Amino acid sequence: AACELLGLDPLYVANEGKLVAFVAPAAADAVLAAMRQHEYGRDAAIIGRVGADHPGRVVLRTPLGTRRILDMLMGEQLPRIC
């Protein structure tokens, strides 16, 4: 909500304390269950998959149900505000 009000894309704002893990599909459920056993992983979720249809690209599904390619960050990342 704050990013929307400020016109920022949350994918390009500095963040910390997050993990993105690439796991073989056969192990995904077991890894997810193990992560959820830890207090910091209780909200762990599968958020995507690697496919062959767009090699080397990240394709996002938007809230409207369309898809868009996530471009590499150009320029400086916005700093954390503590």
PDB file of N, CA and C in Angstrom:
ATOM      1  N   ALA A   1       0.821  -1.197   0.000  1.00  0.00           N
ATOM      2  CA  ALA A   1       0.000   0.000   0.000  1.00  0.00           C
ATOM      3  C   ALA A   1       0.865   1.262   0.000  1.00  0.00           C
ATOM      4  N   ALA A   2       1.928   1.272   0.801  1.00  0.00           N
ATOM      5  CA  ALA A   2       2.793   2.454   0.854  1.00  0.00           C
ATOM      6  C   ALA A   2       3.488   2.672  -0.482  1.00  0.00           C
ATOM      7  N   CYS A   3       3.969   1.603  -1.102  1.00  0.00           N
ATOM      8  CA  CYS A   3       4.629   1.743  -2.410  1.00  0.00           C
ATOM      9  C   CYS A   3       3.663   2.295  -3.445  1.00  0.00           C
ATOM     10  N   GLU A   4       2.437   1.835  -3.408  1.00  0.00           N
ATOM     11  CA  GLU A   4       1.438   2.316  -4.363  1.00  0.00           C
ATOM     12  C   GLU A   4       1.188   3.808  -4.180  1.00  0.00           C
ATOM     13  N   LEU A   5       1.088   4.256  -2.940  1.00  0.00           N
ATOM     14  CA  LEU A   5       0.874   5.679  -2.670  1.00  0.00           C
ATOM     15  C   LEU A   5       2.042   6.531  -3.147  1.00  0.00           C
ATOM     16  N   LEU A   6       3.265   5.979  -3.041  1.00  0.00           N
ATOM     17  CA  LEU A   6       4.460   6.722  -3.421  1.00  0.00           C
ATOM     18  C   LEU A   6       4.872   6.493  -4.875  1.00  0.00           C
ATOM     19  N   GLY A   7       4.141   5.632  -5.571  1.00  0.00           N
ATOM     20  CA  GLY A   7       4.471   5.355  -6.965  1.00  0.00           C
ATOM     21  C   GLY A   7       5.719   4.510  -7.135  1.00  0.00           C
ATOM     22  N   LEU A   8       6.019   3.654  -6.161  1.00  0.00           N
ATOM     23  CA  LEU A   8       7.210   2.804  -6.212  1.00  0.00           C
ATOM     24  C   LEU A   8       6.826   1.371  -6.559  1.00  0.00           C
ATOM     25  N   ASP A   9       7.712   0.679  -7.231  1.00  0.00           N
ATOM     26  CA  ASP A   9       7.523  -0.741  -7.504  1.00  0.00           C
ATOM     27  C   ASP A   9       8.231  -1.508  -6.389  1.00  0.00           C
ATOM     28  N   PRO A  10       7.508  -2.271  -5.559  1.00  0.00           N
ATOM     29  CA  PRO A  10       8.137  -2.955  -4.427  1.00  0.00           C
ATOM     30  C   PRO A  10       9.219  -3.949  -4.838  1.00  0.00           C
ATOM     31  N   LEU A  11       9.232  -4.378  -6.094  1.00  0.00           N
ATOM     32  CA  LEU A  11      10.267  -5.304  -6.552  1.00  0.00           C
ATOM     33  C   LEU A  11      11.626  -4.636  -6.680  1.00  0.00           C
ATOM     34  N   TYR A  12      11.654  -3.307  -6.674  1.00  0.00           N
ATOM     35  CA  TYR A  12      12.907  -2.578  -6.844  1.00  0.00           C
ATOM     36  C   TYR A  12      13.285  -1.760  -5.613  1.00  0.00           C
ATOM     37  N   VAL A  13      12.606  -1.979  -4.500  1.00  0.00           N
ATOM     38  CA  VAL A  13      12.913  -1.281  -3.251  1.00  0.00           C
ATOM     39  C   VAL A  13      13.748  -2.227  -2.382  1.00  0.00           C
ATOM     40  N   ALA A  14      14.769  -1.701  -1.728  1.00  0.00           N
ATOM     41  CA  ALA A  14      15.653  -2.531  -0.898  1.00  0.00           C
ATOM     42  C   ALA A  14      14.846  -3.286   0.153  1.00  0.00           C
ATOM     43  N   ASN A  15      15.286  -4.492   0.443  1.00  0.00           N
ATOM     44  CA  ASN A  15      14.596  -5.335   1.401  1.00  0.00           C
ATOM     45  C   ASN A  15      15.642  -6.212   2.083  1.00  0.00           C
ATOM     46  N   GLU A  16      15.329  -6.716   3.224  1.00  0.00           N
ATOM     47  CA  GLU A  16      16.240  -7.629   3.913  1.00  0.00           C
ATOM     48  C   GLU A  16      15.419  -8.631   4.696  1.00  0.00           C
ATOM     49  N   GLY A  17      16.053  -9.717   5.050  1.00  0.00           N
ATOM     50  CA  GLY A  17      15.369 -10.744   5.822  1.00  0.00           C
ATOM     51  C   GLY A  17      14.456 -11.619   4.987  1.00  0.00           C
ATOM     52  N   LYS A  18      14.715 -11.713   3.687  1.00  0.00           N
ATOM     53  CA  LYS A  18      13.891 -12.533   2.797  1.00  0.00           C
ATOM     54  C   LYS A  18      14.757 -13.587   2.130  1.00  0.00           C
ATOM     55  N   LEU A  19      14.151 -14.668   1.688  1.00  0.00           N
ATOM     56  CA  LEU A  19      14.862 -15.744   1.022  1.00  0.00           C
ATOM     57  C   LEU A  19      14.056 -16.203  -0.177  1.00  0.00           C
ATOM     58  N   VAL A  20      14.721 -16.342  -1.308  1.00  0.00           N
ATOM     59  CA  VAL A  20      14.131 -16.982  -2.479  1.00  0.00           C
ATOM     60  C   VAL A  20      14.962 -18.227  -2.728  1.00  0.00           C
ATOM     61  N   ALA A  21      14.323 -19.391  -2.696  1.00  0.00           N
ATOM     62  CA  ALA A  21      15.024 -20.663  -2.889  1.00  0.00           C
ATOM     63  C   ALA A  21      14.515 -21.338  -4.151  1.00  0.00           C
ATOM     64  N   PHE A  22      15.440 -21.812  -4.963  1.00  0.00           N
ATOM     65  CA  PHE A  22      15.086 -22.583  -6.148  1.00  0.00           C
ATOM     66  C   PHE A  22      15.261 -24.050  -5.782  1.00  0.00           C
ATOM     67  N   VAL A  23      14.157 -24.802  -5.792  1.00  0.00           N
ATOM     68  CA  VAL A  23      14.140 -26.179  -5.315  1.00  0.00           C
ATOM     69  C   VAL A  23      13.532 -27.070  -6.395  1.00  0.00           C
ATOM     70  N   ALA A  24      14.053 -28.272  -6.550  1.00  0.00           N
ATOM     71  CA  ALA A  24      13.482 -29.228  -7.503  1.00  0.00           C
ATOM     72  C   ALA A  24      12.014 -29.469  -7.159  1.00  0.00           C
ATOM     73  N   PRO A  25      11.143 -29.544  -8.172  1.00  0.00           N
ATOM     74  CA  PRO A  25       9.710 -29.738  -7.906  1.00  0.00           C
ATOM     75  C   PRO A  25       9.414 -30.929  -6.994  1.00  0.00           C
ATOM     76  N   ALA A  26      10.149 -32.013  -7.131  1.00  0.00           N
ATOM     77  CA  ALA A  26       9.906 -33.202  -6.312  1.00  0.00           C
ATOM     78  C   ALA A  26      10.187 -32.961  -4.830  1.00  0.00           C
ATOM     79  N   ALA A  27      11.026 -31.982  -4.513  1.00  0.00           N
ATOM     80  CA  ALA A  27      11.386 -31.701  -3.120  1.00  0.00           C
ATOM     81  C   ALA A  27      10.649 -30.499  -2.544  1.00  0.00           C
ATOM     82  N   ALA A  28       9.876 -29.799  -3.362  1.00  0.00           N
ATOM     83  CA  ALA A  28       9.276 -28.528  -2.947  1.00  0.00           C
ATOM     84  C   ALA A  28       8.405 -28.648  -1.701  1.00  0.00           C
ATOM     85  N   ASP A  29       7.528 -29.637  -1.644  1.00  0.00           N
ATOM     86  CA  ASP A  29       6.636 -29.759  -0.487  1.00  0.00           C
ATOM     87  C   ASP A  29       7.410 -30.057   0.793  1.00  0.00           C
ATOM     88  N   ALA A  30       8.418 -30.912   0.706  1.00  0.00           N
ATOM     89  CA  ALA A  30       9.217 -31.243   1.891  1.00  0.00           C
ATOM     90  C   ALA A  30      10.014 -30.035   2.364  1.00  0.00           C
ATOM     91  N   VAL A  31      10.598 -29.295   1.436  1.00  0.00           N
ATOM     92  CA  VAL A  31      11.368 -28.099   1.806  1.00  0.00           C
ATOM     93  C   VAL A  31      10.443 -27.063   2.433  1.00  0.00           C
ATOM     94  N   LEU A  32       9.277 -26.869   1.846  1.00  0.00           N
ATOM     95  CA  LEU A  32       8.308 -25.916   2.379  1.00  0.00           C
ATOM     96  C   LEU A  32       7.887 -26.311   3.799  1.00  0.00           C
ATOM     97  N   ALA A  33       7.610 -27.578   4.014  1.00  0.00           N
ATOM     98  CA  ALA A  33       7.222 -28.049   5.351  1.00  0.00           C
ATOM     99  C   ALA A  33       8.345 -27.809   6.354  1.00  0.00           C
ATOM    100  N   ALA A  34       9.588 -28.077   5.956  1.00  0.00           N
ATOM    101  CA  ALA A  34      10.726 -27.854   6.855  1.00  0.00           C
ATOM    102  C   ALA A  34      10.888 -26.375   7.176  1.00  0.00           C
ATOM    103  N   MET A  35      10.739 -25.521   6.176  1.00  0.00           N
ATOM    104  CA  MET A  35      10.872 -24.079   6.410  1.00  0.00           C
ATOM    105  C   MET A  35       9.791 -23.580   7.358  1.00  0.00           C
ATOM    106  N   ARG A  36       8.593 -24.101   7.226  1.00  0.00           N
ATOM    107  CA  ARG A  36       7.484 -23.655   8.080  1.00  0.00           C
ATOM    108  C   ARG A  36       7.641 -24.096   9.524  1.00  0.00           C
ATOM    109  N   GLN A  37       8.532 -25.046   9.797  1.00  0.00           N
ATOM    110  CA  GLN A  37       8.796 -25.483  11.168  1.00  0.00           C
ATOM    111  C   GLN A  37       9.586 -24.443  11.957  1.00  0.00           C
ATOM    112  N   HIS A  38      10.269 -23.545  11.252  1.00  0.00           N
ATOM    113  CA  HIS A  38      11.074 -22.506  11.901  1.00  0.00           C
ATOM    114  C   HIS A  38      10.221 -21.251  12.053  1.00  0.00           C
ATOM    115  N   GLU A  39      10.389 -20.535  13.158  1.00  0.00           N
ATOM    116  CA  GLU A  39       9.571 -19.338  13.389  1.00  0.00           C
ATOM    117  C   GLU A  39       9.688 -18.316  12.261  1.00  0.00           C
ATOM    118  N   TYR A  40      10.860 -18.189  11.652  1.00  0.00           N
ATOM    119  CA  TYR A  40      11.034 -17.202  10.587  1.00  0.00           C
ATOM    120  C   TYR A  40      10.507 -17.694   9.242  1.00  0.00           C
ATOM    121  N   GLY A  41      10.170 -18.968   9.170  1.00  0.00           N
ATOM    122  CA  GLY A  41       9.665 -19.511   7.912  1.00  0.00           C
ATOM    123  C   GLY A  41       8.196 -19.867   7.953  1.00  0.00           C
ATOM    124  N   ARG A  42       7.505 -19.464   8.987  1.00  0.00           N
ATOM    125  CA  ARG A  42       6.102 -19.872   9.138  1.00  0.00           C
ATOM    126  C   ARG A  42       5.210 -19.407   7.995  1.00  0.00           C
ATOM    127  N   ASP A  43       5.595 -18.325   7.314  1.00  0.00           N
ATOM    128  CA  ASP A  43       4.801 -17.829   6.188  1.00  0.00           C
ATOM    129  C   ASP A  43       5.393 -18.229   4.837  1.00  0.00           C
ATOM    130  N   ALA A  44       6.305 -19.200   4.841  1.00  0.00           N
ATOM    131  CA  ALA A  44       6.938 -19.637   3.590  1.00  0.00           C
ATOM    132  C   ALA A  44       5.872 -20.099   2.604  1.00  0.00           C
ATOM    133  N   ALA A  45       6.117 -19.828   1.333  1.00  0.00           N
ATOM    134  CA  ALA A  45       5.144 -20.178   0.297  1.00  0.00           C
ATOM    135  C   ALA A  45       5.853 -20.419  -1.029  1.00  0.00           C
ATOM    136  N   ILE A  46       5.221 -21.221  -1.862  1.00  0.00           N
ATOM    137  CA  ILE A  46       5.694 -21.393  -3.232  1.00  0.00           C
ATOM    138  C   ILE A  46       5.100 -20.244  -4.035  1.00  0.00           C
ATOM    139  N   ILE A  47       5.964 -19.446  -4.654  1.00  0.00           N
ATOM    140  CA  ILE A  47       5.493 -18.243  -5.352  1.00  0.00           C
ATOM    141  C   ILE A  47       5.695 -18.301  -6.858  1.00  0.00           C
ATOM    142  N   GLY A  48       6.243 -19.394  -7.353  1.00  0.00           N
ATOM    143  CA  GLY A  48       6.449 -19.477  -8.793  1.00  0.00           C
ATOM    144  C   GLY A  48       7.091 -20.784  -9.187  1.00  0.00           C
ATOM    145  N   ARG A  49       7.423 -20.874 -10.465  1.00  0.00           N
ATOM    146  CA  ARG A  49       8.068 -22.070 -10.979  1.00  0.00           C
ATOM    147  C   ARG A  49       9.005 -21.672 -12.108  1.00  0.00           C
ATOM    148  N   VAL A  50       9.973 -22.506 -12.372  1.00  0.00           N
ATOM    149  CA  VAL A  50      10.881 -22.305 -13.498  1.00  0.00           C
ATOM    150  C   VAL A  50      10.328 -23.113 -14.659  1.00  0.00           C
ATOM    151  N   GLY A  51      10.176 -22.458 -15.806  1.00  0.00           N
ATOM    152  CA  GLY A  51       9.648 -23.133 -16.987  1.00  0.00           C
ATOM    153  C   GLY A  51      10.512 -22.871 -18.201  1.00  0.00           C
ATOM    154  N   ALA A  52      10.239 -23.584 -19.265  1.00  0.00           N
ATOM    155  CA  ALA A  52      11.032 -23.476 -20.490  1.00  0.00           C
ATOM    156  C   ALA A  52      10.467 -22.462 -21.477  1.00  0.00           C
ATOM    157  N   ASP A  53       9.285 -21.922 -21.215  1.00  0.00           N
ATOM    158  CA  ASP A  53       8.642 -21.049 -22.198  1.00  0.00           C
ATOM    159  C   ASP A  53       9.286 -19.672 -22.331  1.00  0.00           C
ATOM    160  N   HIS A  54      10.008 -19.188 -21.321  1.00  0.00           N
ATOM    161  CA  HIS A  54      10.686 -17.878 -21.382  1.00  0.00           C
ATOM    162  C   HIS A  54      12.087 -18.009 -20.786  1.00  0.00           C
ATOM    163  N   PRO A  55      13.012 -18.691 -21.468  1.00  0.00           N
ATOM    164  CA  PRO A  55      14.343 -18.912 -20.884  1.00  0.00           C
ATOM    165  C   PRO A  55      15.074 -17.613 -20.552  1.00  0.00           C
ATOM    166  N   GLY A  56      15.615 -17.558 -19.322  1.00  0.00           N
ATOM    167  CA  GLY A  56      16.374 -16.386 -18.900  1.00  0.00           C
ATOM    168  C   GLY A  56      15.524 -15.205 -18.486  1.00  0.00           C
ATOM    169  N   ARG A  57      14.234 -15.366 -18.420  1.00  0.00           N
ATOM    170  CA  ARG A  57      13.324 -14.263 -18.077  1.00  0.00           C
ATOM    171  C   ARG A  57      12.475 -14.631 -16.867  1.00  0.00           C
ATOM    172  N   VAL A  58      12.042 -13.603 -16.140  1.00  0.00           N
ATOM    173  CA  VAL A  58      11.070 -13.774 -15.068  1.00  0.00           C
ATOM    174  C   VAL A  58       9.773 -13.160 -15.568  1.00  0.00           C
ATOM    175  N   VAL A  59       8.721 -13.962 -15.588  1.00  0.00           N
ATOM    176  CA  VAL A  59       7.418 -13.498 -16.053  1.00  0.00           C
ATOM    177  C   VAL A  59       6.482 -13.476 -14.851  1.00  0.00           C
ATOM    178  N   LEU A  60       5.909 -12.316 -14.587  1.00  0.00           N
ATOM    179  CA  LEU A  60       5.007 -12.140 -13.445  1.00  0.00           C
ATOM    180  C   LEU A  60       3.557 -12.209 -13.894  1.00  0.00           C
ATOM    181  N   ARG A  61       2.712 -12.732 -13.036  1.00  0.00           N
ATOM    182  CA  ARG A  61       1.270 -12.661 -13.260  1.00  0.00           C
ATOM    183  C   ARG A  61       0.777 -11.477 -12.435  1.00  0.00           C
ATOM    184  N   THR A  62       0.135 -10.525 -13.082  1.00  0.00           N
ATOM    185  CA  THR A  62      -0.311  -9.303 -12.412  1.00  0.00           C
ATOM    186  C   THR A  62      -1.621  -9.542 -11.669  1.00  0.00           C
ATOM    187  N   PRO A  63      -2.010  -8.625 -10.781  1.00  0.00           N
ATOM    188  CA  PRO A  63      -3.296  -8.764 -10.089  1.00  0.00           C
ATOM    189  C   PRO A  63      -4.491  -8.810 -11.045  1.00  0.00           C
ATOM    190  N   LEU A  64      -4.321  -8.289 -12.256  1.00  0.00           N
ATOM    191  CA  LEU A  64      -5.404  -8.312 -13.243  1.00  0.00           C
ATOM    192  C   LEU A  64      -5.413  -9.596 -14.069  1.00  0.00           C
ATOM    193  N   GLY A  65      -4.460 -10.502 -13.802  1.00  0.00           N
ATOM    194  CA  GLY A  65      -4.407 -11.770 -14.504  1.00  0.00           C
ATOM    195  C   GLY A  65      -3.583 -11.761 -15.782  1.00  0.00           C
ATOM    196  N   THR A  66      -2.994 -10.620 -16.118  1.00  0.00           N
ATOM    197  CA  THR A  66      -2.124 -10.564 -17.289  1.00  0.00           C
ATOM    198  C   THR A  66      -0.710 -10.954 -16.871  1.00  0.00           C
ATOM    199  N   ARG A  67       0.183 -11.033 -17.833  1.00  0.00           N
ATOM    200  CA  ARG A  67       1.573 -11.374 -17.533  1.00  0.00           C
ATOM    201  C   ARG A  67       2.485 -10.279 -18.044  1.00  0.00           C
ATOM    202  N   ARG A  68       3.599 -10.067 -17.322  1.00  0.00           N
ATOM    203  CA  ARG A  68       4.594  -9.095 -17.763  1.00  0.00           C
ATOM    204  C   ARG A  68       5.979  -9.603 -17.414  1.00  0.00           C
ATOM    205  N   ILE A  69       6.940  -9.218 -18.235  1.00  0.00           N
ATOM    206  CA  ILE A  69       8.325  -9.601 -17.987  1.00  0.00           C
ATOM    207  C   ILE A  69       8.917  -8.652 -16.955  1.00  0.00           C
ATOM    208  N   LEU A  70       9.581  -9.212 -15.956  1.00  0.00           N
ATOM    209  CA  LEU A  70      10.261  -8.412 -14.940  1.00  0.00           C
ATOM    210  C   LEU A  70      11.635  -8.050 -15.478  1.00  0.00           C
ATOM    211  N   ASP A  71      11.855  -6.782 -15.734  1.00  0.00           N
ATOM    212  CA  ASP A  71      13.133  -6.311 -16.252  1.00  0.00           C
ATOM    213  C   ASP A  71      14.171  -6.233 -15.142  1.00  0.00           C
ATOM    214  N   MET A  72      15.436  -6.321 -15.524  1.00  0.00           N
ATOM    215  CA  MET A  72      16.529  -6.123 -14.578  1.00  0.00           C
ATOM    216  C   MET A  72      16.484  -4.682 -14.077  1.00  0.00           C
ATOM    217  N   LEU A  73      16.857  -4.496 -12.827  1.00  0.00           N
ATOM    218  CA  LEU A  73      16.903  -3.161 -12.235  1.00  0.00           C
ATOM    219  C   LEU A  73      17.920  -2.300 -12.977  1.00  0.00           C
ATOM    220  N   MET A  74      17.501  -1.141 -13.390  1.00  0.00           N
ATOM    221  CA  MET A  74      18.396  -0.182 -14.039  1.00  0.00           C
ATOM    222  C   MET A  74      18.633   0.958 -13.054  1.00  0.00           C
ATOM    223  N   GLY A  75      19.867   1.354 -12.841  1.00  0.00           N
ATOM    224  CA  GLY A  75      20.166   2.437 -11.907  1.00  0.00           C
ATOM    225  C   GLY A  75      20.321   1.911 -10.496  1.00  0.00           C
ATOM    226  N   GLU A  76      20.161   2.798  -9.551  1.00  0.00           N
ATOM    227  CA  GLU A  76      20.369   2.472  -8.145  1.00  0.00           C
ATOM    228  C   GLU A  76      19.083   1.994  -7.491  1.00  0.00           C
ATOM    229  N   GLN A  77      19.237   1.040  -6.590  1.00  0.00           N
ATOM    230  CA  GLN A  77      18.113   0.585  -5.792  1.00  0.00           C
ATOM    231  C   GLN A  77      17.835   1.635  -4.725  1.00  0.00           C
ATOM    232  N   LEU A  78      16.567   1.848  -4.412  1.00  0.00           N
ATOM    233  CA  LEU A  78      16.232   2.798  -3.353  1.00  0.00           C
ATOM    234  C   LEU A  78      16.762   2.266  -2.023  1.00  0.00           C
ATOM    235  N   PRO A  79      17.333   3.126  -1.195  1.00  0.00           N
ATOM    236  CA  PRO A  79      17.908   2.669   0.077  1.00  0.00           C
ATOM    237  C   PRO A  79      16.826   2.323   1.093  1.00  0.00           C
ATOM    238  N   ARG A  80      17.242   1.516   2.076  1.00  0.00           N
ATOM    239  CA  ARG A  80      16.342   1.225   3.189  1.00  0.00           C
ATOM    240  C   ARG A  80      16.148   2.494   4.007  1.00  0.00           C
ATOM    241  N   ILE A  81      14.967   2.628   4.574  1.00  0.00           N
ATOM    242  CA  ILE A  81      14.700   3.741   5.486  1.00  0.00           C
ATOM    243  C   ILE A  81      14.482   3.123   6.859  1.00  0.00           C
ATOM    244  N   CYS A  82      15.405   3.357   7.773  1.00  0.00           N
ATOM    245  CA  CYS A  82      15.326   2.746   9.106  1.00  0.00           C
ATOM    246  C   CYS A  82      14.792   3.751  10.106  1.00  0.00           C
TER     247      CYS A  82
END
